[in-house]
Amino acid sequence: MIQSITELVTFDEFIDWYPENSEHHYELHNGEIVEIPKATGQHSKLTGFLVADLYFEIRRLQLPYFIPKECVIKPMREESGYEPDIIVLNEPTIGNEPRWEKLLIITRG
């Protein structure tokens, strides 16, 4: 991982800084912005299979869940933010996330 900024930043500063349409992914680890390397072929393949299997089960069981293509998760007590490879979200409770609609941010996991 390559450190992008040397000063500690807050989660909100990280979100404001995050470049739009970047071909790179970034995460905030305890106040430090780090560039995340692109997934390898095997990693990407496995992620695709897992998303398909999870989605199939969600549909089969008629569960109120969905799998977004991307989002940022903010842990409650840390100045961190992560982009998960896969996340399953609950459709009825996503409305409780104040930053979901515009910024794809999950803060109340």
PDB file of N, CA and C in Angstrom:
ATOM      1  N   MET A   1       0.834  -1.172   0.000  1.00  0.00           N
ATOM      2  CA  MET A   1       0.000   0.000   0.000  1.00  0.00           C
ATOM      3  C   MET A   1       0.880   1.236   0.000  1.00  0.00           C
ATOM      4  N   ILE A   2       0.423   2.266  -0.677  1.00  0.00           N
ATOM      5  CA  ILE A   2       1.167   3.508  -0.796  1.00  0.00           C
ATOM      6  C   ILE A   2       0.443   4.581  -0.002  1.00  0.00           C
ATOM      7  N   GLN A   3       1.134   5.230   0.908  1.00  0.00           N
ATOM      8  CA  GLN A   3       0.532   6.317   1.667  1.00  0.00           C
ATOM      9  C   GLN A   3       0.424   7.533   0.763  1.00  0.00           C
ATOM     10  N   SER A   4      -0.774   8.126   0.725  1.00  0.00           N
ATOM     11  CA  SER A   4      -1.015   9.230  -0.190  1.00  0.00           C
ATOM     12  C   SER A   4      -0.870  10.597   0.460  1.00  0.00           C
ATOM     13  N   ILE A   5      -1.271  10.718   1.719  1.00  0.00           N
ATOM     14  CA  ILE A   5      -1.210  11.991   2.426  1.00  0.00           C
ATOM     15  C   ILE A   5      -0.546  11.722   3.776  1.00  0.00           C
ATOM     16  N   THR A   6       0.385  12.563   4.190  1.00  0.00           N
ATOM     17  CA  THR A   6       1.137  12.302   5.414  1.00  0.00           C
ATOM     18  C   THR A   6       0.448  12.823   6.671  1.00  0.00           C
ATOM     19  N   GLU A   7      -0.461  13.759   6.572  1.00  0.00           N
ATOM     20  CA  GLU A   7      -1.137  14.289   7.749  1.00  0.00           C
ATOM     21  C   GLU A   7      -2.385  13.457   8.053  1.00  0.00           C
ATOM     22  N   LEU A   8      -2.746  13.389   9.335  1.00  0.00           N
ATOM     23  CA  LEU A   8      -3.939  12.648   9.724  1.00  0.00           C
ATOM     24  C   LEU A   8      -5.178  13.436   9.318  1.00  0.00           C
ATOM     25  N   VAL A   9      -6.162  12.734   8.813  1.00  0.00           N
ATOM     26  CA  VAL A   9      -7.397  13.377   8.369  1.00  0.00           C
ATOM     27  C   VAL A   9      -8.586  12.691   9.028  1.00  0.00           C
ATOM     28  N   THR A  10      -9.691  13.409   9.095  1.00  0.00           N
ATOM     29  CA  THR A  10     -10.929  12.849   9.628  1.00  0.00           C
ATOM     30  C   THR A  10     -11.640  12.093   8.515  1.00  0.00           C
ATOM     31  N   PHE A  11     -12.659  11.355   8.896  1.00  0.00           N
ATOM     32  CA  PHE A  11     -13.448  10.631   7.902  1.00  0.00           C
ATOM     33  C   PHE A  11     -14.091  11.600   6.911  1.00  0.00           C
ATOM     34  N   ASP A  12     -14.651  12.693   7.417  1.00  0.00           N
ATOM     35  CA  ASP A  12     -15.302  13.661   6.523  1.00  0.00           C
ATOM     36  C   ASP A  12     -14.297  14.305   5.574  1.00  0.00           C
ATOM     37  N   GLU A  13     -13.099  14.602   6.054  1.00  0.00           N
ATOM     38  CA  GLU A  13     -12.064  15.154   5.169  1.00  0.00           C
ATOM     39  C   GLU A  13     -11.681  14.128   4.092  1.00  0.00           C
ATOM     40  N   PHE A  14     -11.633  12.870   4.475  1.00  0.00           N
ATOM     41  CA  PHE A  14     -11.330  11.795   3.531  1.00  0.00           C
ATOM     42  C   PHE A  14     -12.394  11.735   2.436  1.00  0.00           C
ATOM     43  N   ILE A  15     -13.653  11.792   2.816  1.00  0.00           N
ATOM     44  CA  ILE A  15     -14.742  11.737   1.834  1.00  0.00           C
ATOM     45  C   ILE A  15     -14.694  12.960   0.917  1.00  0.00           C
ATOM     46  N   ASP A  16     -14.437  14.135   1.469  1.00  0.00           N
ATOM     47  CA  ASP A  16     -14.323  15.345   0.639  1.00  0.00           C
ATOM     48  C   ASP A  16     -13.123  15.265  -0.307  1.00  0.00           C
ATOM     49  N   TRP A  17     -12.032  14.658   0.155  1.00  0.00           N
ATOM     50  CA  TRP A  17     -10.802  14.527  -0.642  1.00  0.00           C
ATOM     51  C   TRP A  17     -10.925  13.475  -1.740  1.00  0.00           C
ATOM     52  N   TYR A  18     -11.706  12.429  -1.512  1.00  0.00           N
ATOM     53  CA  TYR A  18     -11.731  11.273  -2.407  1.00  0.00           C
ATOM     54  C   TYR A  18     -11.994  11.711  -3.852  1.00  0.00           C
ATOM     55  N   PRO A  19     -11.070  11.389  -4.764  1.00  0.00           N
ATOM     56  CA  PRO A  19     -11.230  11.845  -6.152  1.00  0.00           C
ATOM     57  C   PRO A  19     -12.349  11.092  -6.887  1.00  0.00           C
ATOM     58  N   GLU A  20     -13.161  11.843  -7.610  1.00  0.00           N
ATOM     59  CA  GLU A  20     -14.221  11.224  -8.414  1.00  0.00           C
ATOM     60  C   GLU A  20     -13.610  10.562  -9.632  1.00  0.00           C
ATOM     61  N   ASN A  21     -14.218   9.473 -10.055  1.00  0.00           N
ATOM     62  CA  ASN A  21     -13.806   8.746 -11.260  1.00  0.00           C
ATOM     63  C   ASN A  21     -12.340   8.315 -11.224  1.00  0.00           C
ATOM     64  N   SER A  22     -11.836   8.027 -10.038  1.00  0.00           N
ATOM     65  CA  SER A  22     -10.453   7.582  -9.916  1.00  0.00           C
ATOM     66  C   SER A  22     -10.332   6.123 -10.306  1.00  0.00           C
ATOM     67  N   GLU A  23      -9.247   5.776 -10.966  1.00  0.00           N
ATOM     68  CA  GLU A  23      -9.020   4.367 -11.278  1.00  0.00           C
ATOM     69  C   GLU A  23      -8.376   3.649 -10.097  1.00  0.00           C
ATOM     70  N   HIS A  24      -8.119   4.374  -9.026  1.00  0.00           N
ATOM     71  CA  HIS A  24      -7.535   3.804  -7.814  1.00  0.00           C
ATOM     72  C   HIS A  24      -8.583   3.794  -6.706  1.00  0.00           C
ATOM     73  N   HIS A  25      -8.408   2.896  -5.766  1.00  0.00           N
ATOM     74  CA  HIS A  25      -9.256   2.853  -4.584  1.00  0.00           C
ATOM     75  C   HIS A  25      -8.434   3.312  -3.392  1.00  0.00           C
ATOM     76  N   TYR A  26      -9.097   3.990  -2.480  1.00  0.00           N
ATOM     77  CA  TYR A  26      -8.435   4.496  -1.293  1.00  0.00           C
ATOM     78  C   TYR A  26      -9.246   4.114  -0.068  1.00  0.00           C
ATOM     79  N   GLU A  27      -8.557   3.963   1.043  1.00  0.00           N
ATOM     80  CA  GLU A  27      -9.202   3.732   2.322  1.00  0.00           C
ATOM     81  C   GLU A  27      -8.546   4.630   3.350  1.00  0.00           C
ATOM     82  N   LEU A  28      -9.258   4.862   4.432  1.00  0.00           N
ATOM     83  CA  LEU A  28      -8.747   5.662   5.532  1.00  0.00           C
ATOM     84  C   LEU A  28      -8.470   4.714   6.691  1.00  0.00           C
ATOM     85  N   HIS A  29      -7.211   4.612   7.084  1.00  0.00           N
ATOM     86  CA  HIS A  29      -6.804   3.720   8.175  1.00  0.00           C
ATOM     87  C   HIS A  29      -6.276   4.558   9.330  1.00  0.00           C
ATOM     88  N   ASN A  30      -7.102   4.704  10.376  1.00  0.00           N
ATOM     89  CA  ASN A  30      -6.715   5.474  11.565  1.00  0.00           C
ATOM     90  C   ASN A  30      -6.176   6.858  11.215  1.00  0.00           C
ATOM     91  N   GLY A  31      -6.877   7.556  10.326  1.00  0.00           N
ATOM     92  CA  GLY A  31      -6.523   8.924   9.973  1.00  0.00           C
ATOM     93  C   GLY A  31      -5.553   9.058   8.818  1.00  0.00           C
ATOM     94  N   GLU A  32      -5.045   7.950   8.290  1.00  0.00           N
ATOM     95  CA  GLU A  32      -4.112   7.988   7.163  1.00  0.00           C
ATOM     96  C   GLU A  32      -4.779   7.440   5.903  1.00  0.00           C
ATOM     97  N   ILE A  33      -4.675   8.184   4.815  1.00  0.00           N
ATOM     98  CA  ILE A  33      -5.218   7.743   3.540  1.00  0.00           C
ATOM     99  C   ILE A  33      -4.207   6.829   2.872  1.00  0.00           C
ATOM    100  N   VAL A  34      -4.676   5.650   2.459  1.00  0.00           N
ATOM    101  CA  VAL A  34      -3.805   4.697   1.780  1.00  0.00           C
ATOM    102  C   VAL A  34      -4.450   4.271   0.465  1.00  0.00           C
ATOM    103  N   GLU A  35      -3.607   4.074  -0.526  1.00  0.00           N
ATOM    104  CA  GLU A  35      -4.073   3.580  -1.821  1.00  0.00           C
ATOM    105  C   GLU A  35      -4.145   2.065  -1.735  1.00  0.00           C
ATOM    106  N   ILE A  36      -5.236   1.514  -2.188  1.00  0.00           N
ATOM    107  CA  ILE A  36      -5.439   0.071  -2.156  1.00  0.00           C
ATOM    108  C   ILE A  36      -5.148  -0.482  -3.547  1.00  0.00           C
ATOM    109  N   PRO A  37      -4.292  -1.488  -3.641  1.00  0.00           N
ATOM    110  CA  PRO A  37      -3.985  -2.037  -4.961  1.00  0.00           C
ATOM    111  C   PRO A  37      -5.205  -2.687  -5.602  1.00  0.00           C
ATOM    112  N   LYS A  38      -5.213  -2.716  -6.924  1.00  0.00           N
ATOM    113  CA  LYS A  38      -6.300  -3.370  -7.640  1.00  0.00           C
ATOM    114  C   LYS A  38      -6.309  -4.856  -7.316  1.00  0.00           C
ATOM    115  N   ALA A  39      -7.476  -5.440  -7.396  1.00  0.00           N
ATOM    116  CA  ALA A  39      -7.622  -6.864  -7.120  1.00  0.00           C
ATOM    117  C   ALA A  39      -6.912  -7.688  -8.199  1.00  0.00           C
ATOM    118  N   THR A  40      -6.429  -8.832  -7.787  1.00  0.00           N
ATOM    119  CA  THR A  40      -5.822  -9.753  -8.745  1.00  0.00           C
ATOM    120  C   THR A  40      -6.935 -10.520  -9.462  1.00  0.00           C
ATOM    121  N   GLY A  41      -6.560 -11.262 -10.472  1.00  0.00           N
ATOM    122  CA  GLY A  41      -7.535 -12.042 -11.231  1.00  0.00           C
ATOM    123  C   GLY A  41      -8.293 -13.029 -10.365  1.00  0.00           C
ATOM    124  N   GLN A  42      -7.569 -13.776  -9.533  1.00  0.00           N
ATOM    125  CA  GLN A  42      -8.217 -14.765  -8.662  1.00  0.00           C
ATOM    126  C   GLN A  42      -9.151 -14.089  -7.665  1.00  0.00           C
ATOM    127  N   HIS A  43      -8.707 -12.987  -7.089  1.00  0.00           N
ATOM    128  CA  HIS A  43      -9.513 -12.246  -6.122  1.00  0.00           C
ATOM    129  C   HIS A  43     -10.806 -11.761  -6.782  1.00  0.00           C
ATOM    130  N   SER A  44     -10.683 -11.181  -7.957  1.00  0.00           N
ATOM    131  CA  SER A  44     -11.838 -10.670  -8.678  1.00  0.00           C
ATOM    132  C   SER A  44     -12.797 -11.802  -9.065  1.00  0.00           C
ATOM    133  N   LYS A  45     -12.245 -12.899  -9.490  1.00  0.00           N
ATOM    134  CA  LYS A  45     -13.056 -14.063  -9.879  1.00  0.00           C
ATOM    135  C   LYS A  45     -13.846 -14.583  -8.675  1.00  0.00           C
ATOM    136  N   LEU A  46     -13.169 -14.738  -7.538  1.00  0.00           N
ATOM    137  CA  LEU A  46     -13.826 -15.235  -6.340  1.00  0.00           C
ATOM    138  C   LEU A  46     -14.910 -14.266  -5.869  1.00  0.00           C
ATOM    139  N   THR A  47     -14.615 -12.979  -5.888  1.00  0.00           N
ATOM    140  CA  THR A  47     -15.597 -11.976  -5.487  1.00  0.00           C
ATOM    141  C   THR A  47     -16.844 -12.072  -6.367  1.00  0.00           C
ATOM    142  N   GLY A  48     -16.652 -12.209  -7.672  1.00  0.00           N
ATOM    143  CA  GLY A  48     -17.784 -12.338  -8.596  1.00  0.00           C
ATOM    144  C   GLY A  48     -18.641 -13.550  -8.300  1.00  0.00           C
ATOM    145  N   PHE A  49     -18.010 -14.687  -8.050  1.00  0.00           N
ATOM    146  CA  PHE A  49     -18.757 -15.908  -7.723  1.00  0.00           C
ATOM    147  C   PHE A  49     -19.526 -15.750  -6.410  1.00  0.00           C
ATOM    148  N   LEU A  50     -18.883 -15.151  -5.400  1.00  0.00           N
ATOM    149  CA  LEU A  50     -19.556 -14.970  -4.115  1.00  0.00           C
ATOM    150  C   LEU A  50     -20.761 -14.036  -4.229  1.00  0.00           C
ATOM    151  N   VAL A  51     -20.609 -12.951  -4.970  1.00  0.00           N
ATOM    152  CA  VAL A  51     -21.731 -12.025  -5.170  1.00  0.00           C
ATOM    153  C   VAL A  51     -22.886 -12.760  -5.852  1.00  0.00           C
ATOM    154  N   ALA A  52     -22.579 -13.550  -6.884  1.00  0.00           N
ATOM    155  CA  ALA A  52     -23.625 -14.284  -7.595  1.00  0.00           C
ATOM    156  C   ALA A  52     -24.335 -15.268  -6.663  1.00  0.00           C
ATOM    157  N   ASP A  53     -23.564 -16.021  -5.882  1.00  0.00           N
ATOM    158  CA  ASP A  53     -24.166 -16.991  -4.966  1.00  0.00           C
ATOM    159  C   ASP A  53     -25.007 -16.302  -3.895  1.00  0.00           C
ATOM    160  N   LEU A  54     -24.495 -15.232  -3.321  1.00  0.00           N
ATOM    161  CA  LEU A  54     -25.261 -14.504  -2.315  1.00  0.00           C
ATOM    162  C   LEU A  54     -26.553 -13.935  -2.903  1.00  0.00           C
ATOM    163  N   TYR A  55     -26.446 -13.345  -4.088  1.00  0.00           N
ATOM    164  CA  TYR A  55     -27.631 -12.772  -4.727  1.00  0.00           C
ATOM    165  C   TYR A  55     -28.671 -13.852  -5.027  1.00  0.00           C
ATOM    166  N   PHE A  56     -28.203 -15.008  -5.484  1.00  0.00           N
ATOM    167  CA  PHE A  56     -29.110 -16.117  -5.762  1.00  0.00           C
ATOM    168  C   PHE A  56     -29.875 -16.507  -4.491  1.00  0.00           C
ATOM    169  N   GLU A  57     -29.184 -16.624  -3.378  1.00  0.00           N
ATOM    170  CA  GLU A  57     -29.832 -16.993  -2.124  1.00  0.00           C
ATOM    171  C   GLU A  57     -30.789 -15.909  -1.636  1.00  0.00           C
ATOM    172  N   ILE A  58     -30.406 -14.662  -1.794  1.00  0.00           N
ATOM    173  CA  ILE A  58     -31.295 -13.561  -1.412  1.00  0.00           C
ATOM    174  C   ILE A  58     -32.596 -13.642  -2.204  1.00  0.00           C
ATOM    175  N   ARG A  59     -32.488 -13.853  -3.493  1.00  0.00           N
ATOM    176  CA  ARG A  59     -33.691 -13.965  -4.344  1.00  0.00           C
ATOM    177  C   ARG A  59     -34.496 -15.214  -4.008  1.00  0.00           C
ATOM    178  N   ARG A  60     -33.809 -16.342  -3.858  1.00  0.00           N
ATOM    179  CA  ARG A  60     -34.489 -17.617  -3.589  1.00  0.00           C
ATOM    180  C   ARG A  60     -35.277 -17.546  -2.287  1.00  0.00           C
ATOM    181  N   LEU A  61     -34.680 -16.960  -1.271  1.00  0.00           N
ATOM    182  CA  LEU A  61     -35.331 -16.862   0.035  1.00  0.00           C
ATOM    183  C   LEU A  61     -36.220 -15.623   0.165  1.00  0.00           C
ATOM    184  N   GLN A  62     -36.264 -14.813  -0.879  1.00  0.00           N
ATOM    185  CA  GLN A  62     -37.071 -13.587  -0.912  1.00  0.00           C
ATOM    186  C   GLN A  62     -36.766 -12.690   0.294  1.00  0.00           C
ATOM    187  N   LEU A  63     -35.478 -12.475   0.515  1.00  0.00           N
ATOM    188  CA  LEU A  63     -35.023 -11.638   1.617  1.00  0.00           C
ATOM    189  C   LEU A  63     -34.944 -10.177   1.181  1.00  0.00           C
ATOM    190  N   PRO A  64     -35.114  -9.249   2.101  1.00  0.00           N
ATOM    191  CA  PRO A  64     -35.101  -7.824   1.753  1.00  0.00           C
ATOM    192  C   PRO A  64     -33.686  -7.239   1.743  1.00  0.00           C
ATOM    193  N   TYR A  65     -32.757  -7.930   1.113  1.00  0.00           N
ATOM    194  CA  TYR A  65     -31.366  -7.501   1.091  1.00  0.00           C
ATOM    195  C   TYR A  65     -30.937  -7.144  -0.325  1.00  0.00           C
ATOM    196  N   PHE A  66     -29.845  -6.394  -0.418  1.00  0.00           N
ATOM    197  CA  PHE A  66     -29.252  -6.102  -1.718  1.00  0.00           C
ATOM    198  C   PHE A  66     -27.745  -5.996  -1.554  1.00  0.00           C
ATOM    199  N   ILE A  67     -27.044  -6.109  -2.671  1.00  0.00           N
ATOM    200  CA  ILE A  67     -25.589  -6.049  -2.691  1.00  0.00           C
ATOM    201  C   ILE A  67     -25.193  -4.875  -3.579  1.00  0.00           C
ATOM    202  N   PRO A  68     -24.749  -3.769  -2.971  1.00  0.00           N
ATOM    203  CA  PRO A  68     -24.357  -2.621  -3.793  1.00  0.00           C
ATOM    204  C   PRO A  68     -23.025  -2.882  -4.501  1.00  0.00           C
ATOM    205  N   LYS A  69     -22.847  -2.215  -5.616  1.00  0.00           N
ATOM    206  CA  LYS A  69     -21.594  -2.352  -6.353  1.00  0.00           C
ATOM    207  C   LYS A  69     -20.429  -1.764  -5.564  1.00  0.00           C
ATOM    208  N   GLU A  70     -20.689  -0.670  -4.855  1.00  0.00           N
ATOM    209  CA  GLU A  70     -19.636  -0.027  -4.069  1.00  0.00           C
ATOM    210  C   GLU A  70     -20.243   0.766  -2.928  1.00  0.00           C
ATOM    211  N   CYS A  71     -19.442   0.979  -1.904  1.00  0.00           N
ATOM    212  CA  CYS A  71     -19.816   1.835  -0.784  1.00  0.00           C
ATOM    213  C   CYS A  71     -18.589   1.991   0.106  1.00  0.00           C
ATOM    214  N   VAL A  72     -18.709   2.890   1.068  1.00  0.00           N
ATOM    215  CA  VAL A  72     -17.659   3.089   2.068  1.00  0.00           C
ATOM    216  C   VAL A  72     -18.293   2.831   3.427  1.00  0.00           C
ATOM    217  N   ILE A  73     -17.592   2.050   4.247  1.00  0.00           N
ATOM    218  CA  ILE A  73     -18.062   1.749   5.594  1.00  0.00           C
ATOM    219  C   ILE A  73     -17.217   2.545   6.581  1.00  0.00           C
ATOM    220  N   LYS A  74     -17.884   3.253   7.489  1.00  0.00           N
ATOM    221  CA  LYS A  74     -17.175   3.998   8.530  1.00  0.00           C
ATOM    222  C   LYS A  74     -17.433   3.300   9.858  1.00  0.00           C
ATOM    223  N   PRO A  75     -16.377   2.727  10.482  1.00  0.00           N
ATOM    224  CA  PRO A  75     -16.552   2.169  11.821  1.00  0.00           C
ATOM    225  C   PRO A  75     -16.949   3.271  12.801  1.00  0.00           C
ATOM    226  N   MET A  76     -17.694   2.918  13.823  1.00  0.00           N
ATOM    227  CA  MET A  76     -18.240   3.913  14.744  1.00  0.00           C
ATOM    228  C   MET A  76     -17.183   4.683  15.530  1.00  0.00           C
ATOM    229  N   ARG A  77     -16.118   4.046  15.973  1.00  0.00           N
ATOM    230  CA  ARG A  77     -15.190   4.702  16.891  1.00  0.00           C
ATOM    231  C   ARG A  77     -13.841   5.038  16.277  1.00  0.00           C
ATOM    232  N   GLU A  78     -13.675   4.863  15.024  1.00  0.00           N
ATOM    233  CA  GLU A  78     -12.361   5.067  14.430  1.00  0.00           C
ATOM    234  C   GLU A  78     -12.419   6.113  13.323  1.00  0.00           C
ATOM    235  N   GLU A  79     -11.291   6.771  13.082  1.00  0.00           N
ATOM    236  CA  GLU A  79     -11.161   7.637  11.920  1.00  0.00           C
ATOM    237  C   GLU A  79     -10.668   6.773  10.773  1.00  0.00           C
ATOM    238  N   SER A  80     -11.553   5.901  10.350  1.00  0.00           N
ATOM    239  CA  SER A  80     -11.235   4.962   9.283  1.00  0.00           C
ATOM    240  C   SER A  80     -12.427   4.859   8.352  1.00  0.00           C
ATOM    241  N   GLY A  81     -12.186   4.394   7.150  1.00  0.00           N
ATOM    242  CA  GLY A  81     -13.236   4.148   6.174  1.00  0.00           C
ATOM    243  C   GLY A  81     -12.746   3.101   5.200  1.00  0.00           C
ATOM    244  N   TYR A  82     -13.584   2.113   4.926  1.00  0.00           N
ATOM    245  CA  TYR A  82     -13.168   0.987   4.108  1.00  0.00           C
ATOM    246  C   TYR A  82     -14.143   0.739   2.962  1.00  0.00           C
ATOM    247  N   GLU A  83     -13.613   0.282   1.845  1.00  0.00           N
ATOM    248  CA  GLU A  83     -14.428  -0.137   0.714  1.00  0.00           C
ATOM    249  C   GLU A  83     -14.431  -1.660   0.681  1.00  0.00           C
ATOM    250  N   PRO A  84     -15.524  -2.289   1.106  1.00  0.00           N
ATOM    251  CA  PRO A  84     -15.538  -3.747   1.134  1.00  0.00           C
ATOM    252  C   PRO A  84     -15.638  -4.338  -0.273  1.00  0.00           C
ATOM    253  N   ASP A  85     -15.098  -5.548  -0.428  1.00  0.00           N
ATOM    254  CA  ASP A  85     -15.258  -6.252  -1.699  1.00  0.00           C
ATOM    255  C   ASP A  85     -16.716  -6.640  -1.905  1.00  0.00           C
ATOM    256  N   ILE A  86     -17.358  -7.067  -0.826  1.00  0.00           N
ATOM    257  CA  ILE A  86     -18.767  -7.472  -0.860  1.00  0.00           C
ATOM    258  C   ILE A  86     -19.411  -7.012   0.438  1.00  0.00           C
ATOM    259  N   ILE A  87     -20.630  -6.508   0.315  1.00  0.00           N
ATOM    260  CA  ILE A  87     -21.426  -6.186   1.499  1.00  0.00           C
ATOM    261  C   ILE A  87     -22.881  -6.449   1.150  1.00  0.00           C
ATOM    262  N   VAL A  88     -23.602  -7.020   2.096  1.00  0.00           N
ATOM    263  CA  VAL A  88     -25.032  -7.268   1.943  1.00  0.00           C
ATOM    264  C   VAL A  88     -25.746  -6.298   2.869  1.00  0.00           C
ATOM    265  N   LEU A  89     -26.643  -5.496   2.303  1.00  0.00           N
ATOM    266  CA  LEU A  89     -27.347  -4.479   3.079  1.00  0.00           C
ATOM    267  C   LEU A  89     -28.835  -4.798   3.170  1.00  0.00           C
ATOM    268  N   ASN A  90     -29.444  -4.345   4.240  1.00  0.00           N
ATOM    269  CA  ASN A  90     -30.856  -4.566   4.501  1.00  0.00           C
ATOM    270  C   ASN A  90     -31.658  -3.406   3.910  1.00  0.00           C
ATOM    271  N   GLU A  91     -32.478  -3.698   2.939  1.00  0.00           N
ATOM    272  CA  GLU A  91     -33.260  -2.662   2.240  1.00  0.00           C
ATOM    273  C   GLU A  91     -34.147  -1.839   3.187  1.00  0.00           C
ATOM    274  N   PRO A  92     -34.888  -2.458   4.114  1.00  0.00           N
ATOM    275  CA  PRO A  92     -35.750  -1.656   4.993  1.00  0.00           C
ATOM    276  C   PRO A  92     -35.005  -0.700   5.924  1.00  0.00           C
ATOM    277  N   THR A  93     -33.761  -1.002   6.272  1.00  0.00           N
ATOM    278  CA  THR A  93     -33.059  -0.129   7.214  1.00  0.00           C
ATOM    279  C   THR A  93     -32.071   0.823   6.549  1.00  0.00           C
ATOM    280  N   ILE A  94     -31.873   0.704   5.256  1.00  0.00           N
ATOM    281  CA  ILE A  94     -30.898   1.578   4.591  1.00  0.00           C
ATOM    282  C   ILE A  94     -31.342   3.047   4.659  1.00  0.00           C
ATOM    283  N   GLY A  95     -32.629   3.277   4.803  1.00  0.00           N
ATOM    284  CA  GLY A  95     -33.138   4.641   4.948  1.00  0.00           C
ATOM    285  C   GLY A  95     -32.660   5.321   6.221  1.00  0.00           C
ATOM    286  N   ASN A  96     -32.182   4.549   7.190  1.00  0.00           N
ATOM    287  CA  ASN A  96     -31.654   5.109   8.433  1.00  0.00           C
ATOM    288  C   ASN A  96     -30.229   5.624   8.268  1.00  0.00           C
ATOM    289  N   GLU A  97     -29.632   5.363   7.137  1.00  0.00           N
ATOM    290  CA  GLU A  97     -28.266   5.818   6.861  1.00  0.00           C
ATOM    291  C   GLU A  97     -28.332   7.210   6.241  1.00  0.00           C
ATOM    292  N   PRO A  98     -27.952   8.249   6.970  1.00  0.00           N
ATOM    293  CA  PRO A  98     -28.114   9.619   6.471  1.00  0.00           C
ATOM    294  C   PRO A  98     -27.257   9.956   5.253  1.00  0.00           C
ATOM    295  N   ARG A  99     -26.184   9.199   5.004  1.00  0.00           N
ATOM    296  CA  ARG A  99     -25.293   9.550   3.899  1.00  0.00           C
ATOM    297  C   ARG A  99     -25.320   8.513   2.776  1.00  0.00           C
ATOM    298  N   TRP A 100     -26.314   7.623   2.803  1.00  0.00           N
ATOM    299  CA  TRP A 100     -26.348   6.563   1.806  1.00  0.00           C
ATOM    300  C   TRP A 100     -26.734   7.078   0.420  1.00  0.00           C
ATOM    301  N   GLU A 101     -27.816   7.780   0.316  1.00  0.00           N
ATOM    302  CA  GLU A 101     -28.356   8.163  -1.009  1.00  0.00           C
ATOM    303  C   GLU A 101     -27.373   8.971  -1.860  1.00  0.00           C
ATOM    304  N   LYS A 102     -26.689   9.908  -1.274  1.00  0.00           N
ATOM    305  CA  LYS A 102     -25.820  10.773  -2.056  1.00  0.00           C
ATOM    306  C   LYS A 102     -24.359  10.316  -2.079  1.00  0.00           C
ATOM    307  N   LEU A 103     -23.899   9.675  -0.983  1.00  0.00           N
ATOM    308  CA  LEU A 103     -22.466   9.389  -0.873  1.00  0.00           C
ATOM    309  C   LEU A 103     -22.120   7.912  -0.746  1.00  0.00           C
ATOM    310  N   LEU A 104     -23.127   7.041  -0.664  1.00  0.00           N
ATOM    311  CA  LEU A 104     -22.899   5.593  -0.527  1.00  0.00           C
ATOM    312  C   LEU A 104     -22.075   5.259   0.705  1.00  0.00           C
ATOM    313  N   ILE A 105     -22.375   5.928   1.820  1.00  0.00           N
ATOM    314  CA  ILE A 105     -21.628   5.732   3.057  1.00  0.00           C
ATOM    315  C   ILE A 105     -22.512   5.007   4.074  1.00  0.00           C
ATOM    316  N   ILE A 106     -21.939   3.972   4.704  1.00  0.00           N
ATOM    317  CA  ILE A 106     -22.608   3.225   5.757  1.00  0.00           C
ATOM    318  C   ILE A 106     -21.928   3.588   7.085  1.00  0.00           C
ATOM    319  N   THR A 107     -22.701   4.145   8.016  1.00  0.00           N
ATOM    320  CA  THR A 107     -22.135   4.542   9.304  1.00  0.00           C
ATOM    321  C   THR A 107     -22.806   3.831  10.464  1.00  0.00           C
ATOM    322  N   ARG A 108     -23.937   3.213  10.222  1.00  0.00           N
ATOM    323  CA  ARG A 108     -24.711   2.578  11.307  1.00  0.00           C
ATOM    324  C   ARG A 108     -24.891   1.086  11.055  1.00  0.00           C
ATOM    325  N   GLY A 109     -23.790   0.405  10.833  1.00  0.00           N
ATOM    326  CA  GLY A 109     -23.825  -1.022  10.515  1.00  0.00           C
ATOM    327  C   GLY A 109     -24.634  -1.839  11.454  1.00  0.00           C
TER     328      GLY A 109
END
